[in-house]
Amino acid sequence: MRIFCSRTKRWEWVAATVALTFGNAHVDVRPCSIQEAFAAEQEASSVRHWEAVYQSYERFFHCDDGAIREGYSYSVGSLLANQWEEFDELVLLTRGSPRFEDFVVSHIDETLPQNDARKIQENLSRCPKSGKKLCSRLKRAITSLRE
């Protein structure tokens, strides 16, 4: 008796094994519905506090593409540039969710205005001890924009 019926089945089994083994990697194949896309697009660029970004991320991470992604990038950049006093809240949220940290760092991208990038670099030079790891990742992301 054969365990695998075909190559296709074998690859499905391999893919399932890899997914289970590396389940901590944030791979979500759930589609973003039209309703979710509209809600996410409106929310992504209007969140003004880290807790709100986190809640929006939890609801819509599977919709993070195109205009929605640009909206999140705007919000993340704006918070890091203009509300540095709230950075400790971000540190706490990312400690509880490494995937959220990845999300935040990934939104330091080419859509970030140069003025915000400069402010973020200045803020990162005043990184609290509690956020050294996150600051290091953010510095690398900002630096990579210049390359």
N, C-alpha and C. Protein backbone atom coordinates (compact mmCIF):
# COMPACT_ATOMS: atom_id res chain seq x y z
N MET A 1 0.84 -1.19 0.00
CA MET A 1 0.00 0.00 0.00
C MET A 1 0.88 1.25 0.00
N ARG A 2 0.59 2.17 -0.92
CA ARG A 2 1.37 3.41 -1.00
C ARG A 2 0.77 4.46 -0.08
N ILE A 3 1.65 5.18 0.58
CA ILE A 3 1.19 6.26 1.45
C ILE A 3 0.77 7.47 0.62
N PHE A 4 1.52 7.76 -0.44
CA PHE A 4 1.22 8.90 -1.28
C PHE A 4 0.65 8.42 -2.61
N CYS A 5 -0.45 9.00 -2.99
CA CYS A 5 -1.11 8.60 -4.23
C CYS A 5 -0.46 9.23 -5.46
N SER A 6 0.08 10.41 -5.31
CA SER A 6 0.66 11.09 -6.46
C SER A 6 1.66 12.12 -5.97
N ARG A 7 2.37 12.70 -6.92
CA ARG A 7 3.33 13.76 -6.56
C ARG A 7 2.61 14.96 -5.96
N THR A 8 1.44 15.26 -6.49
CA THR A 8 0.67 16.38 -5.96
C THR A 8 0.36 16.17 -4.50
N LYS A 9 -0.11 15.00 -4.17
CA LYS A 9 -0.43 14.69 -2.77
C LYS A 9 0.83 14.75 -1.91
N ARG A 10 1.93 14.29 -2.46
CA ARG A 10 3.19 14.31 -1.71
C ARG A 10 3.57 15.75 -1.39
N TRP A 11 3.45 16.65 -2.37
CA TRP A 11 3.79 18.04 -2.14
C TRP A 11 2.82 18.70 -1.17
N GLU A 12 1.57 18.33 -1.22
CA GLU A 12 0.61 18.85 -0.25
C GLU A 12 1.00 18.43 1.15
N TRP A 13 1.44 17.17 1.29
CA TRP A 13 1.85 16.68 2.59
C TRP A 13 3.09 17.43 3.08
N VAL A 14 4.05 17.65 2.18
CA VAL A 14 5.26 18.38 2.53
C VAL A 14 4.91 19.81 2.94
N ALA A 15 4.05 20.45 2.18
CA ALA A 15 3.64 21.82 2.49
C ALA A 15 2.94 21.89 3.84
N ALA A 16 2.08 20.94 4.12
CA ALA A 16 1.38 20.91 5.41
C ALA A 16 2.37 20.70 6.55
N THR A 17 3.34 19.83 6.35
CA THR A 17 4.35 19.58 7.38
C THR A 17 5.17 20.83 7.65
N VAL A 18 5.58 21.51 6.59
CA VAL A 18 6.36 22.74 6.75
C VAL A 18 5.52 23.80 7.47
N ALA A 19 4.27 23.93 7.08
CA ALA A 19 3.40 24.92 7.71
C ALA A 19 3.23 24.64 9.20
N LEU A 20 3.06 23.39 9.55
CA LEU A 20 2.91 23.04 10.96
C LEU A 20 4.22 23.22 11.71
N THR A 21 5.32 22.90 11.08
CA THR A 21 6.62 23.03 11.72
C THR A 21 6.96 24.48 11.98
N PHE A 22 6.69 25.31 11.01
CA PHE A 22 7.01 26.72 11.13
C PHE A 22 5.75 27.54 11.34
N GLY A 23 4.87 27.06 12.17
CA GLY A 23 3.59 27.71 12.41
C GLY A 23 3.70 29.10 12.96
N ASN A 24 4.86 29.43 13.52
CA ASN A 24 5.04 30.76 14.07
C ASN A 24 5.20 31.80 12.97
N ALA A 25 5.57 31.38 11.79
CA ALA A 25 5.66 32.31 10.67
C ALA A 25 4.24 32.74 10.32
N HIS A 26 4.07 34.04 10.10
CA HIS A 26 2.72 34.56 9.92
C HIS A 26 2.28 34.44 8.46
N VAL A 27 1.83 33.28 8.12
CA VAL A 27 1.32 33.04 6.78
C VAL A 27 -0.18 32.84 6.90
N ASP A 28 -0.91 33.67 6.24
CA ASP A 28 -2.36 33.55 6.31
C ASP A 28 -2.89 33.55 4.88
N VAL A 29 -3.55 32.50 4.53
CA VAL A 29 -4.09 32.40 3.18
C VAL A 29 -5.54 32.86 3.12
N ARG A 30 -6.05 33.34 4.23
CA ARG A 30 -7.42 33.83 4.25
C ARG A 30 -7.52 35.03 3.33
N PRO A 31 -8.48 35.04 2.45
CA PRO A 31 -8.63 36.18 1.54
C PRO A 31 -9.19 37.40 2.27
N CYS A 32 -8.91 38.54 1.73
CA CYS A 32 -9.45 39.78 2.26
C CYS A 32 -10.76 40.06 1.51
N SER A 33 -11.86 40.03 2.23
CA SER A 33 -13.15 40.27 1.58
C SER A 33 -13.26 41.74 1.16
N ILE A 34 -14.19 42.03 0.30
CA ILE A 34 -14.40 43.40 -0.15
C ILE A 34 -14.75 44.30 1.03
N GLN A 35 -15.60 43.81 1.92
CA GLN A 35 -15.97 44.60 3.09
C GLN A 35 -14.76 44.86 3.99
N GLU A 36 -13.93 43.83 4.18
CA GLU A 36 -12.73 44.01 4.99
C GLU A 36 -11.77 45.00 4.33
N ALA A 37 -11.63 44.91 3.03
CA ALA A 37 -10.73 45.81 2.31
C ALA A 37 -11.17 47.26 2.46
N PHE A 38 -12.46 47.53 2.33
CA PHE A 38 -12.96 48.90 2.52
C PHE A 38 -12.70 49.38 3.94
N ALA A 39 -13.03 48.55 4.92
CA ALA A 39 -12.82 48.93 6.32
C ALA A 39 -11.34 49.13 6.62
N ALA A 40 -10.50 48.22 6.14
CA ALA A 40 -9.07 48.31 6.39
C ALA A 40 -8.47 49.56 5.75
N GLU A 41 -8.90 49.86 4.54
CA GLU A 41 -8.36 51.03 3.84
C GLU A 41 -8.70 52.32 4.59
N GLN A 42 -9.92 52.43 5.08
CA GLN A 42 -10.32 53.61 5.85
C GLN A 42 -9.55 53.70 7.16
N GLU A 43 -9.36 52.57 7.80
CA GLU A 43 -8.75 52.54 9.13
C GLU A 43 -7.23 52.69 9.08
N ALA A 44 -6.59 52.10 8.09
CA ALA A 44 -5.13 51.99 8.06
C ALA A 44 -4.42 53.33 8.19
N SER A 45 -4.89 54.34 7.51
CA SER A 45 -4.20 55.64 7.55
C SER A 45 -4.76 56.58 8.60
N SER A 46 -5.72 56.11 9.39
CA SER A 46 -6.33 57.01 10.38
C SER A 46 -6.06 56.59 11.82
N VAL A 47 -5.35 55.51 12.03
CA VAL A 47 -5.05 55.10 13.41
C VAL A 47 -4.00 56.04 13.98
N ARG A 48 -4.22 56.50 15.21
CA ARG A 48 -3.37 57.55 15.79
C ARG A 48 -2.65 57.14 17.07
N HIS A 49 -2.81 55.90 17.49
CA HIS A 49 -2.14 55.41 18.69
C HIS A 49 -1.72 53.97 18.44
N TRP A 50 -0.67 53.52 19.12
CA TRP A 50 -0.15 52.17 18.87
C TRP A 50 -1.16 51.09 19.19
N GLU A 51 -1.95 51.27 20.22
CA GLU A 51 -2.97 50.25 20.54
C GLU A 51 -3.97 50.13 19.39
N ALA A 52 -4.33 51.25 18.78
CA ALA A 52 -5.25 51.22 17.64
C ALA A 52 -4.60 50.56 16.43
N VAL A 53 -3.31 50.80 16.21
CA VAL A 53 -2.60 50.13 15.12
C VAL A 53 -2.62 48.63 15.35
N TYR A 54 -2.34 48.24 16.59
CA TYR A 54 -2.31 46.81 16.92
C TYR A 54 -3.67 46.16 16.70
N GLN A 55 -4.73 46.81 17.16
CA GLN A 55 -6.08 46.26 16.98
C GLN A 55 -6.43 46.15 15.50
N SER A 56 -6.07 47.16 14.72
CA SER A 56 -6.32 47.12 13.29
C SER A 56 -5.51 46.01 12.63
N TYR A 57 -4.26 45.86 13.04
CA TYR A 57 -3.41 44.77 12.53
C TYR A 57 -4.05 43.42 12.82
N GLU A 58 -4.55 43.24 14.02
CA GLU A 58 -5.18 41.96 14.39
C GLU A 58 -6.38 41.65 13.49
N ARG A 59 -7.15 42.68 13.15
CA ARG A 59 -8.33 42.47 12.32
C ARG A 59 -8.01 42.29 10.83
N PHE A 60 -7.01 43.03 10.36
CA PHE A 60 -6.83 43.14 8.91
C PHE A 60 -5.44 42.77 8.39
N PHE A 61 -4.62 42.06 9.15
CA PHE A 61 -3.27 41.76 8.67
C PHE A 61 -3.28 41.04 7.33
N HIS A 62 -4.32 40.28 7.07
CA HIS A 62 -4.42 39.54 5.81
C HIS A 62 -4.81 40.44 4.63
N CYS A 63 -5.09 41.70 4.91
CA CYS A 63 -5.45 42.66 3.86
C CYS A 63 -4.31 43.64 3.57
N ASP A 64 -3.15 43.43 4.16
CA ASP A 64 -2.04 44.38 4.10
C ASP A 64 -1.36 44.38 2.73
N ASP A 65 -1.97 45.08 1.78
CA ASP A 65 -1.44 45.14 0.42
C ASP A 65 -1.95 46.42 -0.25
N GLY A 66 -1.22 46.90 -1.22
CA GLY A 66 -1.66 48.05 -2.01
C GLY A 66 -1.92 49.30 -1.19
N ALA A 67 -3.07 49.92 -1.41
CA ALA A 67 -3.43 51.16 -0.72
C ALA A 67 -3.54 50.95 0.78
N ILE A 68 -3.97 49.78 1.20
CA ILE A 68 -4.08 49.49 2.63
C ILE A 68 -2.68 49.50 3.24
N ARG A 69 -1.75 48.87 2.59
CA ARG A 69 -0.36 48.84 3.06
C ARG A 69 0.20 50.26 3.15
N GLU A 70 -0.06 51.07 2.14
CA GLU A 70 0.40 52.46 2.17
C GLU A 70 -0.21 53.22 3.35
N GLY A 71 -1.47 52.95 3.65
CA GLY A 71 -2.11 53.59 4.79
C GLY A 71 -1.44 53.22 6.10
N TYR A 72 -1.15 51.93 6.26
CA TYR A 72 -0.44 51.51 7.48
C TYR A 72 0.95 52.13 7.54
N SER A 73 1.62 52.21 6.41
CA SER A 73 2.96 52.82 6.38
C SER A 73 2.88 54.28 6.81
N TYR A 74 1.86 54.97 6.34
CA TYR A 74 1.66 56.36 6.75
C TYR A 74 1.47 56.46 8.26
N SER A 75 0.61 55.62 8.82
CA SER A 75 0.33 55.67 10.25
C SER A 75 1.56 55.32 11.08
N VAL A 76 2.24 54.25 10.70
CA VAL A 76 3.44 53.82 11.44
C VAL A 76 4.50 54.92 11.38
N GLY A 77 4.75 55.45 10.19
CA GLY A 77 5.75 56.51 10.05
C GLY A 77 5.39 57.75 10.84
N SER A 78 4.14 58.14 10.80
CA SER A 78 3.68 59.32 11.52
C SER A 78 3.83 59.14 13.04
N LEU A 79 3.45 57.98 13.54
CA LEU A 79 3.59 57.73 14.98
C LEU A 79 5.05 57.74 15.41
N LEU A 80 5.91 57.08 14.65
CA LEU A 80 7.33 57.04 15.02
C LEU A 80 7.98 58.42 14.91
N ALA A 81 7.53 59.23 13.97
CA ALA A 81 8.12 60.56 13.77
C ALA A 81 7.57 61.59 14.75
N ASN A 82 6.27 61.54 15.01
CA ASN A 82 5.61 62.64 15.72
C ASN A 82 5.08 62.32 17.10
N GLN A 83 5.05 61.06 17.47
CA GLN A 83 4.53 60.70 18.80
C GLN A 83 5.51 59.76 19.50
N TRP A 84 6.76 60.17 19.54
CA TRP A 84 7.80 59.33 20.13
C TRP A 84 7.52 59.04 21.61
N GLU A 85 6.81 59.93 22.27
CA GLU A 85 6.49 59.72 23.69
C GLU A 85 5.64 58.46 23.90
N GLU A 86 5.06 57.92 22.85
CA GLU A 86 4.26 56.70 22.94
C GLU A 86 5.05 55.44 22.55
N PHE A 87 6.35 55.58 22.34
CA PHE A 87 7.16 54.46 21.89
C PHE A 87 7.15 53.30 22.89
N ASP A 88 7.12 53.61 24.18
CA ASP A 88 7.09 52.53 25.19
C ASP A 88 5.86 51.64 25.02
N GLU A 89 4.74 52.22 24.61
CA GLU A 89 3.54 51.42 24.35
C GLU A 89 3.79 50.45 23.19
N LEU A 90 4.45 50.93 22.15
CA LEU A 90 4.80 50.06 21.02
C LEU A 90 5.71 48.92 21.48
N VAL A 91 6.68 49.23 22.31
CA VAL A 91 7.60 48.20 22.81
C VAL A 91 6.82 47.11 23.53
N LEU A 92 5.89 47.50 24.39
CA LEU A 92 5.08 46.51 25.12
C LEU A 92 4.25 45.65 24.16
N LEU A 93 3.65 46.27 23.18
CA LEU A 93 2.83 45.52 22.22
C LEU A 93 3.66 44.53 21.41
N THR A 94 4.86 44.95 21.02
CA THR A 94 5.69 44.06 20.21
C THR A 94 6.28 42.93 21.03
N ARG A 95 6.48 43.15 22.30
CA ARG A 95 6.96 42.05 23.16
C ARG A 95 5.94 40.93 23.22
N GLY A 96 4.69 41.29 23.22
CA GLY A 96 3.62 40.29 23.27
C GLY A 96 3.32 39.67 21.91
N SER A 97 3.81 40.30 20.85
CA SER A 97 3.51 39.81 19.50
C SER A 97 4.68 40.10 18.55
N PRO A 98 5.60 39.16 18.43
CA PRO A 98 6.72 39.37 17.48
C PRO A 98 6.24 39.62 16.05
N ARG A 99 5.11 39.06 15.70
CA ARG A 99 4.57 39.29 14.35
C ARG A 99 4.17 40.74 14.16
N PHE A 100 3.66 41.35 15.22
CA PHE A 100 3.31 42.76 15.14
C PHE A 100 4.58 43.60 14.97
N GLU A 101 5.65 43.21 15.64
CA GLU A 101 6.93 43.90 15.45
C GLU A 101 7.37 43.82 13.99
N ASP A 102 7.26 42.65 13.40
CA ASP A 102 7.60 42.48 11.98
C ASP A 102 6.73 43.39 11.11
N PHE A 103 5.45 43.46 11.44
CA PHE A 103 4.50 44.30 10.71
C PHE A 103 4.95 45.77 10.77
N VAL A 104 5.26 46.25 11.97
CA VAL A 104 5.67 47.65 12.13
C VAL A 104 6.94 47.93 11.34
N VAL A 105 7.95 47.09 11.51
CA VAL A 105 9.23 47.30 10.82
C VAL A 105 9.04 47.25 9.30
N SER A 106 8.18 46.37 8.83
CA SER A 106 7.97 46.25 7.38
C SER A 106 7.30 47.49 6.78
N HIS A 107 6.70 48.33 7.62
CA HIS A 107 6.04 49.53 7.12
C HIS A 107 6.95 50.75 7.13
N ILE A 108 8.21 50.54 7.43
CA ILE A 108 9.21 51.57 7.17
C ILE A 108 9.67 51.28 5.75
N ASP A 109 9.04 51.95 4.81
CA ASP A 109 9.27 51.63 3.40
C ASP A 109 9.44 52.89 2.57
N GLU A 110 9.53 52.71 1.27
CA GLU A 110 9.80 53.82 0.36
C GLU A 110 8.70 54.87 0.31
N THR A 111 7.54 54.60 0.88
CA THR A 111 6.47 55.61 0.91
C THR A 111 6.67 56.62 2.04
N LEU A 112 7.61 56.36 2.93
CA LEU A 112 7.87 57.24 4.07
C LEU A 112 8.45 58.57 3.59
N PRO A 113 7.80 59.69 3.92
CA PRO A 113 8.35 60.99 3.53
C PRO A 113 9.74 61.20 4.15
N GLN A 114 10.63 61.86 3.43
CA GLN A 114 11.99 62.09 3.93
C GLN A 114 12.01 62.82 5.26
N ASN A 115 11.10 63.77 5.42
CA ASN A 115 11.05 64.52 6.67
C ASN A 115 10.73 63.58 7.84
N ASP A 116 9.78 62.67 7.64
CA ASP A 116 9.46 61.70 8.69
C ASP A 116 10.63 60.75 8.95
N ALA A 117 11.30 60.34 7.90
CA ALA A 117 12.47 59.45 8.06
C ALA A 117 13.54 60.14 8.91
N ARG A 118 13.77 61.42 8.65
CA ARG A 118 14.75 62.18 9.43
C ARG A 118 14.33 62.28 10.90
N LYS A 119 13.05 62.58 11.14
CA LYS A 119 12.55 62.67 12.52
C LYS A 119 12.67 61.32 13.23
N ILE A 120 12.35 60.25 12.52
CA ILE A 120 12.43 58.92 13.12
C ILE A 120 13.88 58.62 13.49
N GLN A 121 14.82 58.95 12.62
CA GLN A 121 16.24 58.72 12.94
C GLN A 121 16.64 59.51 14.19
N GLU A 122 16.19 60.74 14.29
CA GLU A 122 16.48 61.54 15.48
C GLU A 122 15.88 60.89 16.71
N ASN A 123 14.65 60.45 16.61
CA ASN A 123 13.99 59.80 17.75
C ASN A 123 14.70 58.51 18.15
N LEU A 124 15.13 57.73 17.16
CA LEU A 124 15.80 56.47 17.46
C LEU A 124 17.12 56.68 18.19
N SER A 125 17.71 57.87 18.05
CA SER A 125 18.95 58.16 18.78
C SER A 125 18.66 58.34 20.27
N ARG A 126 17.40 58.46 20.63
CA ARG A 126 16.98 58.58 22.04
C ARG A 126 16.18 57.36 22.47
N CYS A 127 16.58 56.23 21.99
CA CYS A 127 15.84 54.99 22.24
C CYS A 127 15.91 54.60 23.72
N PRO A 128 14.77 54.28 24.33
CA PRO A 128 14.81 53.80 25.71
C PRO A 128 15.43 52.40 25.78
N LYS A 129 16.03 52.09 26.92
CA LYS A 129 16.67 50.78 27.09
C LYS A 129 15.71 49.65 26.80
N SER A 130 14.46 49.82 27.16
CA SER A 130 13.46 48.76 26.98
C SER A 130 13.21 48.44 25.51
N GLY A 131 13.58 49.35 24.62
CA GLY A 131 13.27 49.16 23.20
C GLY A 131 14.49 49.02 22.30
N LYS A 132 15.63 48.66 22.86
CA LYS A 132 16.88 48.60 22.07
C LYS A 132 16.76 47.68 20.86
N LYS A 133 16.17 46.50 21.05
CA LYS A 133 16.05 45.54 19.94
C LYS A 133 15.18 46.13 18.83
N LEU A 134 14.03 46.66 19.20
CA LEU A 134 13.13 47.25 18.21
C LEU A 134 13.79 48.45 17.53
N CYS A 135 14.45 49.29 18.30
CA CYS A 135 15.14 50.44 17.71
C CYS A 135 16.19 50.00 16.71
N SER A 136 16.91 48.95 17.04
CA SER A 136 17.93 48.44 16.13
C SER A 136 17.31 48.00 14.80
N ARG A 137 16.19 47.30 14.87
CA ARG A 137 15.51 46.86 13.65
C ARG A 137 14.99 48.06 12.85
N LEU A 138 14.44 49.04 13.55
CA LEU A 138 13.92 50.23 12.86
C LEU A 138 15.06 51.02 12.20
N LYS A 139 16.20 51.12 12.89
CA LYS A 139 17.36 51.81 12.30
C LYS A 139 17.81 51.12 11.02
N ARG A 140 17.85 49.79 11.05
CA ARG A 140 18.24 49.05 9.83
C ARG A 140 17.25 49.32 8.70
N ALA A 141 15.96 49.37 9.04
CA ALA A 141 14.93 49.62 8.02
C ALA A 141 15.09 51.02 7.42
N ILE A 142 15.33 52.01 8.26
CA ILE A 142 15.53 53.39 7.78
C ILE A 142 16.78 53.46 6.91
N THR A 143 17.85 52.84 7.37
CA THR A 143 19.11 52.85 6.62
C THR A 143 18.95 52.20 5.26
N SER A 144 18.19 51.12 5.21
CA SER A 144 18.01 50.41 3.93
C SER A 144 17.24 51.25 2.91
N LEU A 145 16.49 52.24 3.36
CA LEU A 145 15.77 53.11 2.43
C LEU A 145 16.74 53.97 1.62
N ARG A 146 17.88 54.26 2.19
CA ARG A 146 18.86 55.13 1.52
C ARG A 146 19.70 54.38 0.51
N GLU A 147 19.71 53.07 0.61
CA GLU A 147 20.58 52.27 -0.26
C GLU A 147 19.95 52.01 -1.60
